[in-house]
PDB file of N, CA and C in Angstrom:
ATOM      1  N   ALA A   1       5.101  -4.998 -23.844  1.00  0.00           N
ATOM      2  CA  ALA A   1       4.796  -4.824 -22.006  1.00  0.00           C
ATOM      3  C   ALA A   1       5.472  -5.489 -20.765  1.00  0.00           C
ATOM      4  N   ALA A   2       5.956  -6.980 -21.476  1.00  0.00           N
ATOM      5  CA  ALA A   2       6.611  -7.857 -20.639  1.00  0.00           C
ATOM      6  C   ALA A   2       7.930  -7.772 -20.221  1.00  0.00           C
ATOM      7  N   GLN A   3       8.229  -6.719 -21.392  1.00  0.00           N
ATOM      8  CA  GLN A   3       9.967  -6.450 -21.039  1.00  0.00           C
ATOM      9  C   GLN A   3      10.131  -5.103 -20.175  1.00  0.00           C
ATOM     10  N   THR A   4       9.004  -4.411 -20.186  1.00  0.00           N
ATOM     11  CA  THR A   4       9.090  -3.416 -19.221  1.00  0.00           C
ATOM     12  C   THR A   4       8.376  -4.066 -17.737  1.00  0.00           C
ATOM     13  N   SER A   5       7.588  -4.886 -17.825  1.00  0.00           N
ATOM     14  CA  SER A   5       7.134  -5.489 -16.363  1.00  0.00           C
ATOM     15  C   SER A   5       8.883  -6.054 -15.997  1.00  0.00           C
ATOM     16  N   ARG A   6       9.301  -6.560 -16.644  1.00  0.00           N
ATOM     17  CA  ARG A   6      10.815  -7.373 -16.283  1.00  0.00           C
ATOM     18  C   ARG A   6      11.729  -6.471 -15.749  1.00  0.00           C
ATOM     19  N   GLU A   7      11.737  -5.303 -16.158  1.00  0.00           N
ATOM     20  CA  GLU A   7      12.836  -4.409 -15.988  1.00  0.00           C
ATOM     21  C   GLU A   7      12.539  -3.369 -14.974  1.00  0.00           C
ATOM     22  N   ALA A   8      11.175  -3.243 -14.833  1.00  0.00           N
ATOM     23  CA  ALA A   8      10.927  -2.708 -13.591  1.00  0.00           C
ATOM     24  C   ALA A   8      10.827  -3.631 -12.391  1.00  0.00           C
ATOM     25  N   TYR A   9      10.275  -5.056 -12.599  1.00  0.00           N
ATOM     26  CA  TYR A   9      11.008  -5.613 -11.348  1.00  0.00           C
ATOM     27  C   TYR A   9      12.368  -5.737 -10.951  1.00  0.00           C
ATOM     28  N   THR A  10      13.300  -6.062 -12.286  1.00  0.00           N
ATOM     29  CA  THR A  10      14.732  -5.962 -11.966  1.00  0.00           C
ATOM     30  C   THR A  10      14.895  -4.785 -10.975  1.00  0.00           C
ATOM     31  N   ALA A  11      14.470  -3.611 -11.220  1.00  0.00           N
ATOM     32  CA  ALA A  11      14.873  -2.434 -10.450  1.00  0.00           C
ATOM     33  C   ALA A  11      14.303  -2.433  -9.103  1.00  0.00           C
ATOM     34  N   VAL A  12      12.977  -3.233  -8.907  1.00  0.00           N
ATOM     35  CA  VAL A  12      12.386  -2.692  -7.689  1.00  0.00           C
ATOM     36  C   VAL A  12      13.522  -4.310  -6.556  1.00  0.00           C
ATOM     37  N   GLN A  13      13.530  -5.114  -7.116  1.00  0.00           N
ATOM     38  CA  GLN A  13      13.973  -6.406  -6.654  1.00  0.00           C
ATOM     39  C   GLN A  13      15.413  -5.780  -5.888  1.00  0.00           C
ATOM     40  N   GLN A  14      16.242  -4.994  -6.736  1.00  0.00           N
ATOM     41  CA  GLN A  14      17.528  -4.949  -6.460  1.00  0.00           C
ATOM     42  C   GLN A  14      17.383  -3.733  -5.268  1.00  0.00           C
ATOM     43  N   THR A  15      16.194  -3.251  -4.646  1.00  0.00           N
ATOM     44  CA  THR A  15      16.168  -2.037  -3.903  1.00  0.00           C
ATOM     45  C   THR A  15      15.443  -2.790  -2.792  1.00  0.00           C
ATOM     46  N   LEU A  16      14.870  -3.859  -2.726  1.00  0.00           N
ATOM     47  CA  LEU A  16      14.363  -4.525  -1.347  1.00  0.00           C
ATOM     48  C   LEU A  16      15.736  -4.761  -0.633  1.00  0.00           C
ATOM     49  N   GLY A  17      15.021  -4.450   0.377  1.00  0.00           N
ATOM     50  CA  GLY A  17      16.000  -5.021   1.463  1.00  0.00           C
ATOM     51  C   GLY A  17      15.638  -6.396   2.090  1.00  0.00           C
ATOM     52  N   PRO A  18      16.401  -6.976   3.025  1.00  0.00           N
ATOM     53  CA  PRO A  18      15.677  -8.607   3.034  1.00  0.00           C
ATOM     54  C   PRO A  18      14.345  -8.916   3.763  1.00  0.00           C
ATOM     55  N   ARG A  19      13.961  -7.779   4.541  1.00  0.00           N
ATOM     56  CA  ARG A  19      12.559  -8.186   5.549  1.00  0.00           C
ATOM     57  C   ARG A  19      11.811  -7.396   3.919  1.00  0.00           C
ATOM     58  N   GLN A  20      11.720  -7.176   3.614  1.00  0.00           N
ATOM     59  CA  GLN A  20      10.893  -7.332   2.227  1.00  0.00           C
ATOM     60  C   GLN A  20      10.642  -8.456   1.389  1.00  0.00           C
ATOM     61  N   LEU A  21      11.816  -8.730   1.561  1.00  0.00           N
ATOM     62  CA  LEU A  21      11.992 -10.000   0.504  1.00  0.00           C
ATOM     63  C   LEU A  21      11.310 -11.279   1.265  1.00  0.00           C
ATOM     64  N   GLU A  22      11.520 -11.047   2.608  1.00  0.00           N
ATOM     65  CA  GLU A  22      10.882 -12.257   3.610  1.00  0.00           C
ATOM     66  C   GLU A  22       9.443 -12.381   3.677  1.00  0.00           C
ATOM     67  N   VAL A  23       9.044 -10.637   3.454  1.00  0.00           N
ATOM     68  CA  VAL A  23       7.637 -11.126   3.178  1.00  0.00           C
ATOM     69  C   VAL A  23       6.954 -11.296   2.257  1.00  0.00           C
ATOM     70  N   LEU A  24       7.719 -10.754   0.829  1.00  0.00           N
ATOM     71  CA  LEU A  24       7.410 -11.289  -0.286  1.00  0.00           C
ATOM     72  C   LEU A  24       7.469 -12.849  -0.783  1.00  0.00           C
ATOM     73  N   ARG A  25       8.351 -13.292  -0.311  1.00  0.00           N
ATOM     74  CA  ARG A  25       8.348 -15.426  -0.316  1.00  0.00           C
ATOM     75  C   ARG A  25       7.253 -15.624   0.250  1.00  0.00           C
ATOM     76  N   VAL A  26       7.214 -14.678   1.299  1.00  0.00           N
ATOM     77  CA  VAL A  26       5.840 -15.793   2.226  1.00  0.00           C
ATOM     78  C   VAL A  26       4.650 -15.283   1.098  1.00  0.00           C
ATOM     79  N   ILE A  27       4.245 -14.293   0.529  1.00  0.00           N
ATOM     80  CA  ILE A  27       3.205 -13.889  -0.400  1.00  0.00           C
ATOM     81  C   ILE A  27       3.345 -14.964  -1.557  1.00  0.00           C
ATOM     82  N   GLU A  28       4.129 -15.085  -2.014  1.00  0.00           N
ATOM     83  CA  GLU A  28       4.416 -15.861  -3.180  1.00  0.00           C
ATOM     84  C   GLU A  28       4.215 -17.151  -2.354  1.00  0.00           C
ATOM     85  N   ARG A  29       4.215 -17.834  -1.489  1.00  0.00           N
ATOM     86  CA  ARG A  29       3.435 -19.363  -1.352  1.00  0.00           C
ATOM     87  C   ARG A  29       2.520 -19.326  -0.957  1.00  0.00           C
ATOM     88  N   HIS A  30       1.786 -18.090  -1.175  1.00  0.00           N
ATOM     89  CA  HIS A  30       0.193 -18.280  -0.903  1.00  0.00           C
ATOM     90  C   HIS A  30      -0.386 -17.649  -2.193  1.00  0.00           C
ATOM     91  N   PRO A  31      -0.376 -18.524  -3.032  1.00  0.00           N
ATOM     92  CA  PRO A  31      -0.961 -18.018  -4.473  1.00  0.00           C
ATOM     93  C   PRO A  31      -2.373 -17.406  -4.468  1.00  0.00           C
ATOM     94  N   ARG A  32      -3.179 -17.609  -3.203  1.00  0.00           N
ATOM     95  CA  ARG A  32      -4.640 -17.069  -3.183  1.00  0.00           C
ATOM     96  C   ARG A  32      -4.785 -16.235  -2.198  1.00  0.00           C
ATOM     97  N   GLY A  33      -3.367 -16.016  -1.850  1.00  0.00           N
ATOM     98  CA  GLY A  33      -3.177 -14.392  -1.054  1.00  0.00           C
ATOM     99  C   GLY A  33      -3.484 -15.016  -0.133  1.00  0.00           C
ATOM    100  N   ILE A  34      -2.968 -13.509   1.083  1.00  0.00           N
ATOM    101  CA  ILE A  34      -2.402 -13.897   2.575  1.00  0.00           C
ATOM    102  C   ILE A  34      -2.689 -12.510   3.232  1.00  0.00           C
ATOM    103  N   THR A  35      -3.159 -12.537   4.295  1.00  0.00           N
ATOM    104  CA  THR A  35      -3.451 -11.208   5.122  1.00  0.00           C
ATOM    105  C   THR A  35      -2.262 -10.605   5.826  1.00  0.00           C
ATOM    106  N   ASN A  36      -2.051  -9.394   6.410  1.00  0.00           N
ATOM    107  CA  ASN A  36      -1.009  -9.257   6.836  1.00  0.00           C
ATOM    108  C   ASN A  36      -1.020  -9.882   8.563  1.00  0.00           C
ATOM    109  N   ASN A  37      -1.778 -10.268   9.043  1.00  0.00           N
ATOM    110  CA  ASN A  37      -1.828 -10.974  10.514  1.00  0.00           C
ATOM    111  C   ASN A  37      -1.341 -12.471   9.932  1.00  0.00           C
ATOM    112  N   GLU A  38      -1.584 -13.075   8.889  1.00  0.00           N
ATOM    113  CA  GLU A  38      -1.318 -14.360   8.717  1.00  0.00           C
ATOM    114  C   GLU A  38       0.326 -14.137   8.161  1.00  0.00           C
ATOM    115  N   ILE A  39       0.720 -13.188   7.597  1.00  0.00           N
ATOM    116  CA  ILE A  39       2.051 -13.524   7.171  1.00  0.00           C
ATOM    117  C   ILE A  39       2.908 -13.202   8.702  1.00  0.00           C
ATOM    118  N   ALA A  40       2.575 -12.232   9.399  1.00  0.00           N
ATOM    119  CA  ALA A  40       2.667 -11.890  10.865  1.00  0.00           C
ATOM    120  C   ALA A  40       3.211 -13.285  11.790  1.00  0.00           C
ATOM    121  N   HIS A  41       2.174 -14.233  11.502  1.00  0.00           N
ATOM    122  CA  HIS A  41       1.752 -15.509  11.628  1.00  0.00           C
ATOM    123  C   HIS A  41       2.992 -16.513  11.587  1.00  0.00           C
ATOM    124  N   VAL A  42       3.316 -16.585  10.183  1.00  0.00           N
ATOM    125  CA  VAL A  42       3.935 -17.313   9.649  1.00  0.00           C
ATOM    126  C   VAL A  42       5.721 -16.886   9.909  1.00  0.00           C
ATOM    127  N   LEU A  43       5.897 -15.476   9.906  1.00  0.00           N
ATOM    128  CA  LEU A  43       7.391 -15.247   9.800  1.00  0.00           C
ATOM    129  C   LEU A  43       7.468 -15.221  11.453  1.00  0.00           C
ATOM    130  N   ARG A  44       6.473 -14.956  12.273  1.00  0.00           N
ATOM    131  CA  ARG A  44       6.717 -14.680  13.975  1.00  0.00           C
ATOM    132  C   ARG A  44       7.359 -13.741  13.909  1.00  0.00           C
ATOM    133  N   TRP A  45       6.667 -12.448  13.525  1.00  0.00           N
ATOM    134  CA  TRP A  45       7.051 -11.183  13.904  1.00  0.00           C
ATOM    135  C   TRP A  45       5.828 -10.674  14.429  1.00  0.00           C
ATOM    136  N   PRO A  46       6.242  -9.570  14.415  1.00  0.00           N
ATOM    137  CA  PRO A  46       4.823  -8.745  15.369  1.00  0.00           C
ATOM    138  C   PRO A  46       4.383  -8.196  14.309  1.00  0.00           C
ATOM    139  N   ILE A  47       3.128  -7.861  14.395  1.00  0.00           N
ATOM    140  CA  ILE A  47       2.091  -7.217  13.070  1.00  0.00           C
ATOM    141  C   ILE A  47       2.771  -5.796  12.597  1.00  0.00           C
ATOM    142  N   ASN A  48       3.308  -5.020  13.576  1.00  0.00           N
ATOM    143  CA  ASN A  48       3.720  -3.983  13.066  1.00  0.00           C
ATOM    144  C   ASN A  48       5.268  -3.711  12.186  1.00  0.00           C
ATOM    145  N   CYS A  49       5.681  -5.294  12.505  1.00  0.00           N
ATOM    146  CA  CYS A  49       6.969  -5.100  11.474  1.00  0.00           C
ATOM    147  C   CYS A  49       6.388  -5.599  10.081  1.00  0.00           C
ATOM    148  N   VAL A  50       5.012  -6.462   9.807  1.00  0.00           N
ATOM    149  CA  VAL A  50       4.429  -6.800   8.736  1.00  0.00           C
ATOM    150  C   VAL A  50       4.164  -5.509   7.645  1.00  0.00           C
ATOM    151  N   THR A  51       3.388  -4.688   8.556  1.00  0.00           N
ATOM    152  CA  THR A  51       2.374  -3.963   7.704  1.00  0.00           C
ATOM    153  C   THR A  51       3.122  -2.606   7.101  1.00  0.00           C
ATOM    154  N   PRO A  52       4.183  -2.147   7.532  1.00  0.00           N
ATOM    155  CA  PRO A  52       4.607  -1.487   6.611  1.00  0.00           C
ATOM    156  C   PRO A  52       5.613  -2.003   5.497  1.00  0.00           C
ATOM    157  N   ARG A  53       6.192  -3.481   5.640  1.00  0.00           N
ATOM    158  CA  ARG A  53       6.713  -3.796   4.339  1.00  0.00           C
ATOM    159  C   ARG A  53       5.847  -4.098   3.443  1.00  0.00           C
ATOM    160  N   VAL A  54       4.402  -4.801   3.921  1.00  0.00           N
ATOM    161  CA  VAL A  54       3.487  -5.097   2.914  1.00  0.00           C
ATOM    162  C   VAL A  54       3.242  -3.801   2.172  1.00  0.00           C
ATOM    163  N   PHE A  55       2.990  -2.553   3.002  1.00  0.00           N
ATOM    164  CA  PHE A  55       2.976  -1.309   2.536  1.00  0.00           C
ATOM    165  C   PHE A  55       3.900  -0.924   1.476  1.00  0.00           C
ATOM    166  N   GLU A  56       5.074  -0.910   1.706  1.00  0.00           N
ATOM    167  CA  GLU A  56       6.306  -0.708   0.721  1.00  0.00           C
ATOM    168  C   GLU A  56       6.376  -1.888  -0.753  1.00  0.00           C
ATOM    169  N   LEU A  57       6.189  -2.647  -0.412  1.00  0.00           N
ATOM    170  CA  LEU A  57       6.056  -4.001  -1.504  1.00  0.00           C
ATOM    171  C   LEU A  57       4.677  -3.336  -2.333  1.00  0.00           C
ATOM    172  N   ARG A  58       3.263  -2.599  -2.192  1.00  0.00           N
ATOM    173  CA  ARG A  58       2.645  -2.289  -2.717  1.00  0.00           C
ATOM    174  C   ARG A  58       3.036  -1.266  -3.346  1.00  0.00           C
ATOM    175  N   SER A  59       3.655   0.026  -3.048  1.00  0.00           N
ATOM    176  CA  SER A  59       4.083   1.135  -3.445  1.00  0.00           C
ATOM    177  C   SER A  59       5.074   0.622  -4.684  1.00  0.00           C
ATOM    178  N   ALA A  60       5.739  -0.020  -4.226  1.00  0.00           N
ATOM    179  CA  ALA A  60       6.505  -0.538  -5.446  1.00  0.00           C
ATOM    180  C   ALA A  60       6.054  -1.269  -6.891  1.00  0.00           C
ATOM    181  N   GLY A  61       4.713  -1.857  -6.212  1.00  0.00           N
ATOM    182  CA  GLY A  61       4.308  -2.127  -7.258  1.00  0.00           C
ATOM    183  C   GLY A  61       4.190  -3.761  -7.619  1.00  0.00           C
ATOM    184  N   VAL A  62       5.044  -4.394  -6.526  1.00  0.00           N
ATOM    185  CA  VAL A  62       5.396  -5.696  -6.371  1.00  0.00           C
ATOM    186  C   VAL A  62       4.112  -6.455  -5.884  1.00  0.00           C
ATOM    187  N   VAL A  63       3.213  -5.482  -5.031  1.00  0.00           N
ATOM    188  CA  VAL A  63       2.266  -6.373  -4.287  1.00  0.00           C
ATOM    189  C   VAL A  63       1.210  -6.050  -4.416  1.00  0.00           C
ATOM    190  N   ALA A  64      -0.149  -6.750  -4.507  1.00  0.00           N
ATOM    191  CA  ALA A  64      -1.759  -5.593  -4.608  1.00  0.00           C
ATOM    192  C   ALA A  64      -2.475  -6.493  -3.588  1.00  0.00           C
ATOM    193  N   ARG A  65      -3.753  -5.830  -3.641  1.00  0.00           N
ATOM    194  CA  ARG A  65      -4.978  -6.209  -2.813  1.00  0.00           C
ATOM    195  C   ARG A  65      -5.576  -7.428  -3.916  1.00  0.00           C
ATOM    196  N   VAL A  66      -5.804  -8.760  -3.134  1.00  0.00           N
ATOM    197  CA  VAL A  66      -6.432  -9.508  -4.472  1.00  0.00           C
ATOM    198  C   VAL A  66      -7.900 -10.206  -3.879  1.00  0.00           C
ATOM    199  N   GLY A  67      -8.342  -9.509  -2.822  1.00  0.00           N
ATOM    200  CA  GLY A  67      -9.467  -9.531  -2.344  1.00  0.00           C
ATOM    201  C   GLY A  67      -9.706  -9.083  -0.914  1.00  0.00           C
ATOM    202  N   HIS A  68     -10.981  -9.390   0.083  1.00  0.00           N
ATOM    203  CA  HIS A  68     -10.964  -9.140   1.424  1.00  0.00           C
ATOM    204  C   HIS A  68     -11.441 -10.887   1.819  1.00  0.00           C
ATOM    205  N   ARG A  69     -11.043 -11.106   2.766  1.00  0.00           N
ATOM    206  CA  ARG A  69     -11.815 -12.551   3.727  1.00  0.00           C
ATOM    207  C   ARG A  69     -11.796 -12.248   5.078  1.00  0.00           C
ATOM    208  N   PRO A  70     -12.199 -13.288   5.757  1.00  0.00           N
ATOM    209  CA  PRO A  70     -11.648 -13.655   7.110  1.00  0.00           C
ATOM    210  C   PRO A  70     -10.176 -14.043   7.445  1.00  0.00           C
ATOM    211  N   ASP A  71      -9.887 -13.340   8.559  1.00  0.00           N
ATOM    212  CA  ASP A  71      -8.421 -13.508   8.570  1.00  0.00           C
ATOM    213  C   ASP A  71      -8.763 -14.662   9.567  1.00  0.00           C
ATOM    214  N   ARG A  72      -7.143 -15.674   9.126  1.00  0.00           N
ATOM    215  CA  ARG A  72      -7.392 -17.362   9.828  1.00  0.00           C
ATOM    216  C   ARG A  72      -7.434 -16.627  11.192  1.00  0.00           C
ATOM    217  N   TRP A  73      -6.579 -16.159  11.903  1.00  0.00           N
ATOM    218  CA  TRP A  73      -6.718 -16.319  13.538  1.00  0.00           C
ATOM    219  C   TRP A  73      -7.545 -15.305  13.715  1.00  0.00           C
ATOM    220  N   THR A  74      -7.829 -13.974  13.639  1.00  0.00           N
ATOM    221  CA  THR A  74      -8.577 -13.043  13.944  1.00  0.00           C
ATOM    222  C   THR A  74     -10.230 -13.278  13.895  1.00  0.00           C
ATOM    223  N   ARG A  75     -10.594 -14.107  12.761  1.00  0.00           N
ATOM    224  CA  ARG A  75     -11.695 -13.699  12.094  1.00  0.00           C
ATOM    225  C   ARG A  75     -12.180 -12.941  11.749  1.00  0.00           C
ATOM    226  N   LYS A  76     -11.440 -11.466  11.251  1.00  0.00           N
ATOM    227  CA  LYS A  76     -12.101 -10.005  11.509  1.00  0.00           C
ATOM    228  C   LYS A  76     -11.955  -9.844   9.297  1.00  0.00           C
ATOM    229  N   LYS A  77     -13.110  -9.256   8.943  1.00  0.00           N
ATOM    230  CA  LYS A  77     -12.712  -9.383   7.411  1.00  0.00           C
ATOM    231  C   LYS A  77     -11.680  -8.582   7.183  1.00  0.00           C
ATOM    232  N   SER A  78     -10.349  -8.855   6.373  1.00  0.00           N
ATOM    233  CA  SER A  78      -9.027  -8.028   6.031  1.00  0.00           C
ATOM    234  C   SER A  78      -8.429  -8.231   4.974  1.00  0.00           C
ATOM    235  N   CYS A  79      -7.604  -7.448   4.087  1.00  0.00           N
ATOM    236  CA  CYS A  79      -7.474  -7.504   3.199  1.00  0.00           C
ATOM    237  C   CYS A  79      -6.453  -8.574   2.959  1.00  0.00           C
ATOM    238  N   VAL A  80      -6.657  -9.137   2.040  1.00  0.00           N
ATOM    239  CA  VAL A  80      -5.705 -10.394   1.475  1.00  0.00           C
ATOM    240  C   VAL A  80      -4.713  -9.776   0.157  1.00  0.00           C
ATOM    241  N   TRP A  81      -3.283 -10.098   0.104  1.00  0.00           N
ATOM    242  CA  TRP A  81      -2.046  -9.491  -0.675  1.00  0.00           C
ATOM    243  C   TRP A  81      -2.089 -10.773  -1.393  1.00  0.00           C
ATOM    244  N   GLY A  82      -1.236 -10.315  -2.602  1.00  0.00           N
ATOM    245  CA  GLY A  82      -0.967 -11.038  -3.446  1.00  0.00           C
ATOM    246  C   GLY A  82       0.249 -10.603  -4.338  1.00  0.00           C
ATOM    247  N   ARG A  83       0.708 -11.364  -5.076  1.00  0.00           N
ATOM    248  CA  ARG A  83       1.677 -10.833  -5.958  1.00  0.00           C
ATOM    249  C   ARG A  83       1.198  -9.844  -7.404  1.00  0.00           C
ATOM    250  N   VAL A  84       2.267  -9.134  -7.750  1.00  0.00           N
ATOM    251  CA  VAL A  84       1.360  -8.597  -8.949  1.00  0.00           C
ATOM    252  C   VAL A  84       1.438  -9.550  -9.896  1.00  0.00           C
ATOM    253  N   GLN A  85       0.068  -9.995 -11.012  1.00  0.00           N
ATOM    254  CA  GLN A  85       0.480 -10.845 -12.097  1.00  0.00           C
ATOM    255  C   GLN A  85       1.181 -10.306 -13.391  1.00  0.00           C
ATOM    256  N   GLY A  86       1.891 -11.273 -14.281  1.00  0.00           N
ATOM    257  CA  GLY A  86       2.448 -10.783 -15.226  1.00  0.00           C
ATOM    258  C   GLY A  86       4.057 -10.651 -15.027  1.00  0.00           C
ATOM    259  N   VAL A  87       4.280 -10.584 -13.742  1.00  0.00           N
ATOM    260  CA  VAL A  87       5.546 -10.513 -13.442  1.00  0.00           C
ATOM    261  C   VAL A  87       6.544 -11.308 -12.739  1.00  0.00           C
ATOM    262  N   GLN A  88       6.873 -11.944 -13.575  1.00  0.00           N
ATOM    263  CA  GLN A  88       7.740 -13.114 -12.985  1.00  0.00           C
ATOM    264  C   GLN A  88       8.830 -12.931 -12.042  1.00  0.00           C
ATOM    265  N   LEU A  89       8.562 -13.363 -10.971  1.00  0.00           N
ATOM    266  CA  LEU A  89       9.899 -13.044  -9.726  1.00  0.00           C
ATOM    267  C   LEU A  89      10.272 -14.256  -9.390  1.00  0.00           C
ATOM    268  N   GLU A  90      11.862 -14.141  -9.576  1.00  0.00           N
ATOM    269  CA  GLU A  90      12.446 -15.065  -9.330  1.00  0.00           C
ATOM    270  C   GLU A  90      13.602 -14.668  -8.254  1.00  0.00           C
ATOM    271  N   PHE A  91      14.097 -15.722  -7.110  1.00  0.00           N
ATOM    272  CA  PHE A  91      15.114 -15.052  -6.091  1.00  0.00           C
ATOM    273  C   PHE A  91      16.495 -15.808  -6.489  1.00  0.00           C
ATOM    274  N   ASP A  92      17.368 -15.438  -6.058  1.00  0.00           N
ATOM    275  CA  ASP A  92      18.881 -15.880  -5.927  1.00  0.00           C
ATOM    276  C   ASP A  92      19.206 -16.034  -4.492  1.00  0.00           C
ATOM    277  N   ALA A  93      18.937 -17.820  -4.134  1.00  0.00           N
ATOM    278  CA  ALA A  93      19.038 -18.182  -2.672  1.00  0.00           C
ATOM    279  C   ALA A  93      20.390 -17.220  -2.140  1.00  0.00           C
ATOM    280  N   PHE A  94      21.289 -16.771  -2.825  1.00  0.00           N
ATOM    281  CA  PHE A  94      22.529 -16.402  -2.238  1.00  0.00           C
ATOM    282  C   PHE A  94      22.937 -15.204  -2.503  1.00  0.00           C
ATOM    283  N   ARG A  95      21.656 -14.459  -3.226  1.00  0.00           N
ATOM    284  CA  ARG A  95      21.887 -12.929  -2.863  1.00  0.00           C
ATOM    285  C   ARG A  95      22.082 -12.230  -1.851  1.00  0.00           C
ATOM    286  N   THR A  96      22.817 -11.361  -1.947  1.00  0.00           N
ATOM    287  CA  THR A  96      23.369 -10.478  -0.764  1.00  0.00           C
ATOM    288  C   THR A  96      22.234  -9.466  -0.486  1.00  0.00           C
ATOM    289  N   PRO A  97      21.451  -9.394   0.823  1.00  0.00           N
ATOM    290  CA  PRO A  97      20.459  -8.471   0.705  1.00  0.00           C
ATOM    291  C   PRO A  97      20.872  -6.897   0.989  1.00  0.00           C
ATOM    292  N   GLY A  98      20.003  -6.332   0.305  1.00  0.00           N
ATOM    293  CA  GLY A  98      20.220  -4.742   0.350  1.00  0.00           C
ATOM    294  C   GLY A  98      19.976  -4.108   1.987  1.00  0.00           C
ATOM    295  N   PRO A  99      19.940  -3.176   1.980  1.00  0.00           N
ATOM    296  CA  PRO A  99      19.384  -2.932   3.488  1.00  0.00           C
ATOM    297  C   PRO A  99      18.358  -2.512   3.537  1.00  0.00           C
ATOM    298  N   ALA A 100      17.623  -2.618   4.654  1.00  0.00           N
ATOM    299  CA  ALA A 100      15.944  -2.919   5.188  1.00  0.00           C
ATOM    300  C   ALA A 100      15.252  -1.740   4.541  1.00  0.00           C
TER     301      ALA A 100
END
């Protein structure tokens, strides 16, 4: 199972664009989870640039909902995202990003 997970992640990582990787890195830096709005704040992006990237990462099986809590900025109850457990995520800082 672990080998299958690594192979799946490797295939997904090769297809992620630079913006998806940026969002994924922010999510990884928040092991207790982070909301879309909080990701937008960290990256200084409009929310409408973050939400589709999170959806794409969820669809790829790299990110999952880990709960709900009030968003740090809006105080509204929001989904909290985290990386999928059991998949080692490693990034090469010098990797040439693919298309977004």
